[in-house]
Amino acid sequence: MAEDKDFAEGERVVLGQRDNKSMTKFRWSGNEPSSLSEVEWAEDLGAQWEGDELVIYDYRGFAGLLEMYEKGEYLPDND
């Protein structure tokens, strides 16, 4: 599994923030898995925008999905 960080299930984890004051318009928080490089991947895997923050509430589940996504094994449930 992707590296474990010490976040409890259900804990709000901020992956990044919109940054309208810089040229990049987005910056990672440092809480994201090291292999996460695209905001779109995070959104595809269930990260949600809460205001200007991109958040998840199940870090381990998210990291596991990211690992599958990177291997091409992730199949989204479109129901």
PDB file of N, CA and C in Angstrom:
ATOM      1  N   MET A   1       0.843  -1.177   0.000  1.00  0.00           N
ATOM      2  CA  MET A   1       0.000   0.000   0.000  1.00  0.00           C
ATOM      3  C   MET A   1       0.884   1.235   0.000  1.00  0.00           C
ATOM      4  N   ALA A   2       0.369   2.318  -0.495  1.00  0.00           N
ATOM      5  CA  ALA A   2       1.092   3.593  -0.470  1.00  0.00           C
ATOM      6  C   ALA A   2       1.472   3.920   0.968  1.00  0.00           C
ATOM      7  N   GLU A   3       2.437   4.795   1.134  1.00  0.00           N
ATOM      8  CA  GLU A   3       2.933   5.075   2.486  1.00  0.00           C
ATOM      9  C   GLU A   3       1.804   5.470   3.421  1.00  0.00           C
ATOM     10  N   ASP A   4       1.952   5.011   4.648  1.00  0.00           N
ATOM     11  CA  ASP A   4       0.944   5.322   5.657  1.00  0.00           C
ATOM     12  C   ASP A   4       1.320   6.601   6.374  1.00  0.00           C
ATOM     13  N   LYS A   5       0.382   7.479   6.493  1.00  0.00           N
ATOM     14  CA  LYS A   5       0.520   8.632   7.363  1.00  0.00           C
ATOM     15  C   LYS A   5      -0.440   8.385   8.506  1.00  0.00           C
ATOM     16  N   ASP A   6      -0.247   9.045   9.591  1.00  0.00           N
ATOM     17  CA  ASP A   6      -1.008   8.765  10.797  1.00  0.00           C
ATOM     18  C   ASP A   6      -2.289   9.593  10.861  1.00  0.00           C
ATOM     19  N   PHE A   7      -3.253   9.235  10.016  1.00  0.00           N
ATOM     20  CA  PHE A   7      -4.557   9.886  10.030  1.00  0.00           C
ATOM     21  C   PHE A   7      -5.606   8.835  10.352  1.00  0.00           C
ATOM     22  N   ALA A   8      -6.465   9.146  11.273  1.00  0.00           N
ATOM     23  CA  ALA A   8      -7.542   8.235  11.643  1.00  0.00           C
ATOM     24  C   ALA A   8      -8.622   8.249  10.574  1.00  0.00           C
ATOM     25  N   GLU A   9      -9.294   7.110  10.398  1.00  0.00           N
ATOM     26  CA  GLU A   9     -10.418   7.063   9.468  1.00  0.00           C
ATOM     27  C   GLU A   9     -11.462   8.063   9.930  1.00  0.00           C
ATOM     28  N   GLY A  10     -11.974   8.837   9.004  1.00  0.00           N
ATOM     29  CA  GLY A  10     -12.951   9.867   9.319  1.00  0.00           C
ATOM     30  C   GLY A  10     -12.338  11.223   9.612  1.00  0.00           C
ATOM     31  N   GLU A  11     -11.014  11.244   9.794  1.00  0.00           N
ATOM     32  CA  GLU A  11     -10.334  12.517  10.044  1.00  0.00           C
ATOM     33  C   GLU A  11     -10.245  13.323   8.750  1.00  0.00           C
ATOM     34  N   ARG A  12     -10.526  14.592   8.835  1.00  0.00           N
ATOM     35  CA  ARG A  12     -10.449  15.490   7.678  1.00  0.00           C
ATOM     36  C   ARG A  12      -8.990  15.755   7.349  1.00  0.00           C
ATOM     37  N   VAL A  13      -8.585  15.404   6.128  1.00  0.00           N
ATOM     38  CA  VAL A  13      -7.203  15.593   5.686  1.00  0.00           C
ATOM     39  C   VAL A  13      -7.212  16.533   4.485  1.00  0.00           C
ATOM     40  N   VAL A  14      -6.533  17.644   4.608  1.00  0.00           N
ATOM     41  CA  VAL A  14      -6.429  18.609   3.520  1.00  0.00           C
ATOM     42  C   VAL A  14      -5.264  18.199   2.627  1.00  0.00           C
ATOM     43  N   LEU A  15      -5.570  17.913   1.351  1.00  0.00           N
ATOM     44  CA  LEU A  15      -4.529  17.542   0.397  1.00  0.00           C
ATOM     45  C   LEU A  15      -3.870  18.763  -0.227  1.00  0.00           C
ATOM     46  N   GLY A  16      -4.637  19.822  -0.403  1.00  0.00           N
ATOM     47  CA  GLY A  16      -4.098  21.025  -1.019  1.00  0.00           C
ATOM     48  C   GLY A  16      -5.103  22.152  -0.983  1.00  0.00           C
ATOM     49  N   GLN A  17      -4.645  23.318  -1.409  1.00  0.00           N
ATOM     50  CA  GLN A  17      -5.499  24.504  -1.417  1.00  0.00           C
ATOM     51  C   GLN A  17      -5.363  25.248  -2.741  1.00  0.00           C
ATOM     52  N   ARG A  18      -6.467  25.857  -3.129  1.00  0.00           N
ATOM     53  CA  ARG A  18      -6.397  26.793  -4.250  1.00  0.00           C
ATOM     54  C   ARG A  18      -5.597  27.994  -3.782  1.00  0.00           C
ATOM     55  N   ASP A  19      -4.795  28.543  -4.664  1.00  0.00           N
ATOM     56  CA  ASP A  19      -3.953  29.688  -4.309  1.00  0.00           C
ATOM     57  C   ASP A  19      -4.077  30.720  -5.422  1.00  0.00           C
ATOM     58  N   ASN A  20      -5.030  31.595  -5.286  1.00  0.00           N
ATOM     59  CA  ASN A  20      -5.303  32.590  -6.323  1.00  0.00           C
ATOM     60  C   ASN A  20      -4.282  33.720  -6.357  1.00  0.00           C
ATOM     61  N   LYS A  21      -3.347  33.722  -5.422  1.00  0.00           N
ATOM     62  CA  LYS A  21      -2.345  34.779  -5.359  1.00  0.00           C
ATOM     63  C   LYS A  21      -1.055  34.425  -6.076  1.00  0.00           C
ATOM     64  N   SER A  22      -0.928  33.193  -6.543  1.00  0.00           N
ATOM     65  CA  SER A  22       0.301  32.799  -7.235  1.00  0.00           C
ATOM     66  C   SER A  22      -0.019  32.318  -8.646  1.00  0.00           C
ATOM     67  N   MET A  23       1.019  32.103  -9.424  1.00  0.00           N
ATOM     68  CA  MET A  23       0.843  31.655 -10.801  1.00  0.00           C
ATOM     69  C   MET A  23       0.338  30.219 -10.877  1.00  0.00           C
ATOM     70  N   THR A  24       0.635  29.386  -9.889  1.00  0.00           N
ATOM     71  CA  THR A  24       0.263  27.978  -9.955  1.00  0.00           C
ATOM     72  C   THR A  24      -1.218  27.720  -9.693  1.00  0.00           C
ATOM     73  N   LYS A  25      -1.875  28.584  -8.936  1.00  0.00           N
ATOM     74  CA  LYS A  25      -3.302  28.507  -8.626  1.00  0.00           C
ATOM     75  C   LYS A  25      -3.663  27.347  -7.694  1.00  0.00           C
ATOM     76  N   PHE A  26      -2.714  26.472  -7.370  1.00  0.00           N
ATOM     77  CA  PHE A  26      -2.955  25.357  -6.459  1.00  0.00           C
ATOM     78  C   PHE A  26      -1.630  24.976  -5.809  1.00  0.00           C
ATOM     79  N   ARG A  27      -1.704  24.605  -4.528  1.00  0.00           N
ATOM     80  CA  ARG A  27      -0.501  24.100  -3.870  1.00  0.00           C
ATOM     81  C   ARG A  27      -0.881  22.930  -2.984  1.00  0.00           C
ATOM     82  N   TRP A  28      -0.036  21.910  -3.000  1.00  0.00           N
ATOM     83  CA  TRP A  28      -0.228  20.731  -2.171  1.00  0.00           C
ATOM     84  C   TRP A  28       0.062  21.096  -0.725  1.00  0.00           C
ATOM     85  N   SER A  29      -0.568  20.401   0.202  1.00  0.00           N
ATOM     86  CA  SER A  29      -0.417  20.706   1.627  1.00  0.00           C
ATOM     87  C   SER A  29       0.764  19.994   2.277  1.00  0.00           C
ATOM     88  N   GLY A  30       1.218  18.898   1.677  1.00  0.00           N
ATOM     89  CA  GLY A  30       2.223  18.052   2.314  1.00  0.00           C
ATOM     90  C   GLY A  30       1.591  16.817   2.932  1.00  0.00           C
ATOM     91  N   ASN A  31       0.265  16.776   3.010  1.00  0.00           N
ATOM     92  CA  ASN A  31      -0.446  15.615   3.539  1.00  0.00           C
ATOM     93  C   ASN A  31      -0.767  14.585   2.459  1.00  0.00           C
ATOM     94  N   GLU A  32      -0.569  14.927   1.216  1.00  0.00           N
ATOM     95  CA  GLU A  32      -0.921  14.039   0.112  1.00  0.00           C
ATOM     96  C   GLU A  32       0.092  12.895   0.009  1.00  0.00           C
ATOM     97  N   PRO A  33      -0.343  11.725  -0.493  1.00  0.00           N
ATOM     98  CA  PRO A  33       0.624  10.656  -0.762  1.00  0.00           C
ATOM     99  C   PRO A  33       1.691  11.168  -1.730  1.00  0.00           C
ATOM    100  N   SER A  34       2.921  10.727  -1.565  1.00  0.00           N
ATOM    101  CA  SER A  34       4.025  11.269  -2.358  1.00  0.00           C
ATOM    102  C   SER A  34       3.861  11.038  -3.855  1.00  0.00           C
ATOM    103  N   SER A  35       3.132  10.009  -4.240  1.00  0.00           N
ATOM    104  CA  SER A  35       2.967   9.728  -5.664  1.00  0.00           C
ATOM    105  C   SER A  35       1.814  10.501  -6.297  1.00  0.00           C
ATOM    106  N   LEU A  36       1.046  11.233  -5.510  1.00  0.00           N
ATOM    107  CA  LEU A  36      -0.068  12.018  -6.052  1.00  0.00           C
ATOM    108  C   LEU A  36       0.469  13.308  -6.659  1.00  0.00           C
ATOM    109  N   SER A  37       0.285  13.446  -7.956  1.00  0.00           N
ATOM    110  CA  SER A  37       0.841  14.620  -8.630  1.00  0.00           C
ATOM    111  C   SER A  37      -0.190  15.423  -9.404  1.00  0.00           C
ATOM    112  N   GLU A  38      -1.391  14.914  -9.511  1.00  0.00           N
ATOM    113  CA  GLU A  38      -2.425  15.583 -10.300  1.00  0.00           C
ATOM    114  C   GLU A  38      -3.695  15.790  -9.479  1.00  0.00           C
ATOM    115  N   VAL A  39      -4.193  17.009  -9.464  1.00  0.00           N
ATOM    116  CA  VAL A  39      -5.448  17.308  -8.768  1.00  0.00           C
ATOM    117  C   VAL A  39      -6.573  16.449  -9.343  1.00  0.00           C
ATOM    118  N   GLU A  40      -6.566  16.243 -10.644  1.00  0.00           N
ATOM    119  CA  GLU A  40      -7.613  15.454 -11.294  1.00  0.00           C
ATOM    120  C   GLU A  40      -7.633  14.024 -10.766  1.00  0.00           C
ATOM    121  N   TRP A  41      -6.458  13.447 -10.490  1.00  0.00           N
ATOM    122  CA  TRP A  41      -6.410  12.096  -9.923  1.00  0.00           C
ATOM    123  C   TRP A  41      -7.113  12.094  -8.578  1.00  0.00           C
ATOM    124  N   ALA A  42      -6.792  13.083  -7.751  1.00  0.00           N
ATOM    125  CA  ALA A  42      -7.396  13.165  -6.424  1.00  0.00           C
ATOM    126  C   ALA A  42      -8.917  13.242  -6.529  1.00  0.00           C
ATOM    127  N   GLU A  43      -9.398  14.057  -7.442  1.00  0.00           N
ATOM    128  CA  GLU A  43     -10.846  14.196  -7.637  1.00  0.00           C
ATOM    129  C   GLU A  43     -11.446  12.884  -8.136  1.00  0.00           C
ATOM    130  N   ASP A  44     -10.778  12.222  -9.065  1.00  0.00           N
ATOM    131  CA  ASP A  44     -11.263  10.936  -9.586  1.00  0.00           C
ATOM    132  C   ASP A  44     -11.375   9.895  -8.479  1.00  0.00           C
ATOM    133  N   LEU A  45     -10.500   9.986  -7.486  1.00  0.00           N
ATOM    134  CA  LEU A  45     -10.464   9.003  -6.407  1.00  0.00           C
ATOM    135  C   LEU A  45     -11.312   9.403  -5.206  1.00  0.00           C
ATOM    136  N   GLY A  46     -12.038  10.502  -5.316  1.00  0.00           N
ATOM    137  CA  GLY A  46     -13.001  10.854  -4.286  1.00  0.00           C
ATOM    138  C   GLY A  46     -12.693  12.072  -3.450  1.00  0.00           C
ATOM    139  N   ALA A  47     -11.577  12.734  -3.670  1.00  0.00           N
ATOM    140  CA  ALA A  47     -11.304  13.968  -2.930  1.00  0.00           C
ATOM    141  C   ALA A  47     -12.350  15.007  -3.322  1.00  0.00           C
ATOM    142  N   GLN A  48     -12.758  15.797  -2.361  1.00  0.00           N
ATOM    143  CA  GLN A  48     -13.803  16.794  -2.576  1.00  0.00           C
ATOM    144  C   GLN A  48     -13.287  18.185  -2.249  1.00  0.00           C
ATOM    145  N   TRP A  49     -13.811  19.160  -2.966  1.00  0.00           N
ATOM    146  CA  TRP A  49     -13.503  20.559  -2.653  1.00  0.00           C
ATOM    147  C   TRP A  49     -14.448  21.034  -1.571  1.00  0.00           C
ATOM    148  N   GLU A  50     -13.886  21.569  -0.514  1.00  0.00           N
ATOM    149  CA  GLU A  50     -14.638  22.253   0.529  1.00  0.00           C
ATOM    150  C   GLU A  50     -14.088  23.668   0.557  1.00  0.00           C
ATOM    151  N   GLY A  51     -14.810  24.560  -0.095  1.00  0.00           N
ATOM    152  CA  GLY A  51     -14.287  25.911  -0.275  1.00  0.00           C
ATOM    153  C   GLY A  51     -13.050  25.841  -1.151  1.00  0.00           C
ATOM    154  N   ASP A  52     -11.950  26.365  -0.667  1.00  0.00           N
ATOM    155  CA  ASP A  52     -10.697  26.353  -1.430  1.00  0.00           C
ATOM    156  C   ASP A  52      -9.770  25.212  -1.030  1.00  0.00           C
ATOM    157  N   GLU A  53     -10.284  24.243  -0.247  1.00  0.00           N
ATOM    158  CA  GLU A  53      -9.455  23.126   0.201  1.00  0.00           C
ATOM    159  C   GLU A  53      -9.922  21.820  -0.426  1.00  0.00           C
ATOM    160  N   LEU A  54      -8.971  21.033  -0.906  1.00  0.00           N
ATOM    161  CA  LEU A  54      -9.232  19.702  -1.451  1.00  0.00           C
ATOM    162  C   LEU A  54      -9.024  18.711  -0.309  1.00  0.00           C
ATOM    163  N   VAL A  55     -10.093  18.003   0.085  1.00  0.00           N
ATOM    164  CA  VAL A  55     -10.033  17.183   1.292  1.00  0.00           C
ATOM    165  C   VAL A  55     -10.487  15.746   1.052  1.00  0.00           C
ATOM    166  N   ILE A  56     -10.026  14.880   1.952  1.00  0.00           N
ATOM    167  CA  ILE A  56     -10.490  13.490   2.025  1.00  0.00           C
ATOM    168  C   ILE A  56     -10.756  13.181   3.492  1.00  0.00           C
ATOM    169  N   TYR A  57     -11.499  12.102   3.750  1.00  0.00           N
ATOM    170  CA  TYR A  57     -11.810  11.695   5.116  1.00  0.00           C
ATOM    171  C   TYR A  57     -11.395  10.257   5.406  1.00  0.00           C
ATOM    172  N   ASP A  58     -10.739   9.605   4.468  1.00  0.00           N
ATOM    173  CA  ASP A  58     -10.235   8.240   4.669  1.00  0.00           C
ATOM    174  C   ASP A  58      -8.887   8.138   3.958  1.00  0.00           C
ATOM    175  N   TYR A  59      -7.832   8.544   4.654  1.00  0.00           N
ATOM    176  CA  TYR A  59      -6.507   8.598   4.032  1.00  0.00           C
ATOM    177  C   TYR A  59      -6.051   7.229   3.549  1.00  0.00           C
ATOM    178  N   ARG A  60      -6.182   6.208   4.377  1.00  0.00           N
ATOM    179  CA  ARG A  60      -5.715   4.867   3.982  1.00  0.00           C
ATOM    180  C   ARG A  60      -6.482   4.349   2.763  1.00  0.00           C
ATOM    181  N   GLY A  61      -7.789   4.520   2.768  1.00  0.00           N
ATOM    182  CA  GLY A  61      -8.585   4.092   1.618  1.00  0.00           C
ATOM    183  C   GLY A  61      -8.189   4.851   0.366  1.00  0.00           C
ATOM    184  N   PHE A  62      -7.975   6.147   0.507  1.00  0.00           N
ATOM    185  CA  PHE A  62      -7.563   6.977  -0.615  1.00  0.00           C
ATOM    186  C   PHE A  62      -6.201   6.535  -1.142  1.00  0.00           C
ATOM    187  N   ALA A  63      -5.253   6.293  -0.243  1.00  0.00           N
ATOM    188  CA  ALA A  63      -3.911   5.859  -0.644  1.00  0.00           C
ATOM    189  C   ALA A  63      -3.969   4.508  -1.360  1.00  0.00           C
ATOM    190  N   GLY A  64      -4.835   3.614  -0.887  1.00  0.00           N
ATOM    191  CA  GLY A  64      -5.004   2.320  -1.547  1.00  0.00           C
ATOM    192  C   GLY A  64      -5.575   2.463  -2.944  1.00  0.00           C
ATOM    193  N   LEU A  65      -6.577   3.336  -3.096  1.00  0.00           N
ATOM    194  CA  LEU A  65      -7.143   3.582  -4.424  1.00  0.00           C
ATOM    195  C   LEU A  65      -6.110   4.206  -5.353  1.00  0.00           C
ATOM    196  N   LEU A  66      -5.283   5.103  -4.813  1.00  0.00           N
ATOM    197  CA  LEU A  66      -4.243   5.729  -5.630  1.00  0.00           C
ATOM    198  C   LEU A  66      -3.259   4.688  -6.134  1.00  0.00           C
ATOM    199  N   GLU A  67      -2.896   3.752  -5.290  1.00  0.00           N
ATOM    200  CA  GLU A  67      -1.980   2.683  -5.698  1.00  0.00           C
ATOM    201  C   GLU A  67      -2.587   1.870  -6.840  1.00  0.00           C
ATOM    202  N   MET A  68      -3.867   1.531  -6.723  1.00  0.00           N
ATOM    203  CA  MET A  68      -4.559   0.797  -7.791  1.00  0.00           C
ATOM    204  C   MET A  68      -4.625   1.637  -9.067  1.00  0.00           C
ATOM    205  N   TYR A  69      -4.912   2.925  -8.914  1.00  0.00           N
ATOM    206  CA  TYR A  69      -5.020   3.862 -10.042  1.00  0.00           C
ATOM    207  C   TYR A  69      -3.712   3.898 -10.820  1.00  0.00           C
ATOM    208  N   GLU A  70      -2.602   3.953 -10.102  1.00  0.00           N
ATOM    209  CA  GLU A  70      -1.281   4.020 -10.737  1.00  0.00           C
ATOM    210  C   GLU A  70      -0.947   2.747 -11.503  1.00  0.00           C
ATOM    211  N   LYS A  71      -1.466   1.613 -11.051  1.00  0.00           N
ATOM    212  CA  LYS A  71      -1.214   0.331 -11.708  1.00  0.00           C
ATOM    213  C   LYS A  71      -2.213   0.060 -12.836  1.00  0.00           C
ATOM    214  N   GLY A  72      -3.179   0.955 -13.008  1.00  0.00           N
ATOM    215  CA  GLY A  72      -4.200   0.739 -14.029  1.00  0.00           C
ATOM    216  C   GLY A  72      -5.250  -0.261 -13.606  1.00  0.00           C
ATOM    217  N   GLU A  73      -5.356  -0.528 -12.309  1.00  0.00           N
ATOM    218  CA  GLU A  73      -6.295  -1.520 -11.791  1.00  0.00           C
ATOM    219  C   GLU A  73      -7.554  -0.899 -11.210  1.00  0.00           C
ATOM    220  N   TYR A  74      -7.648   0.432 -11.196  1.00  0.00           N
ATOM    221  CA  TYR A  74      -8.794   1.127 -10.605  1.00  0.00           C
ATOM    222  C   TYR A  74      -9.945   1.182 -11.595  1.00  0.00           C
ATOM    223  N   LEU A  75     -11.105   0.697 -11.169  1.00  0.00           N
ATOM    224  CA  LEU A  75     -12.311   0.777 -11.978  1.00  0.00           C
ATOM    225  C   LEU A  75     -13.348   1.575 -11.208  1.00  0.00           C
ATOM    226  N   PRO A  76     -13.700   2.762 -11.686  1.00  0.00           N
ATOM    227  CA  PRO A  76     -14.665   3.577 -10.943  1.00  0.00           C
ATOM    228  C   PRO A  76     -16.048   2.947 -10.949  1.00  0.00           C
ATOM    229  N   ASP A  77     -16.777   3.155  -9.870  1.00  0.00           N
ATOM    230  CA  ASP A  77     -18.161   2.711  -9.759  1.00  0.00           C
ATOM    231  C   ASP A  77     -19.039   3.880 -10.179  1.00  0.00           C
ATOM    232  N   ASN A  78     -19.627   3.792 -11.340  1.00  0.00           N
ATOM    233  CA  ASN A  78     -20.420   4.891 -11.891  1.00  0.00           C
ATOM    234  C   ASN A  78     -21.871   4.873 -11.469  1.00  0.00           C
ATOM    235  N   ASP A  79     -22.224   4.004 -10.528  1.00  0.00           N
ATOM    236  CA  ASP A  79     -23.616   3.946 -10.049  1.00  0.00           C
ATOM    237  C   ASP A  79     -23.952   5.093  -9.175  1.00  0.00           C
TER     238      ASP A  79
END
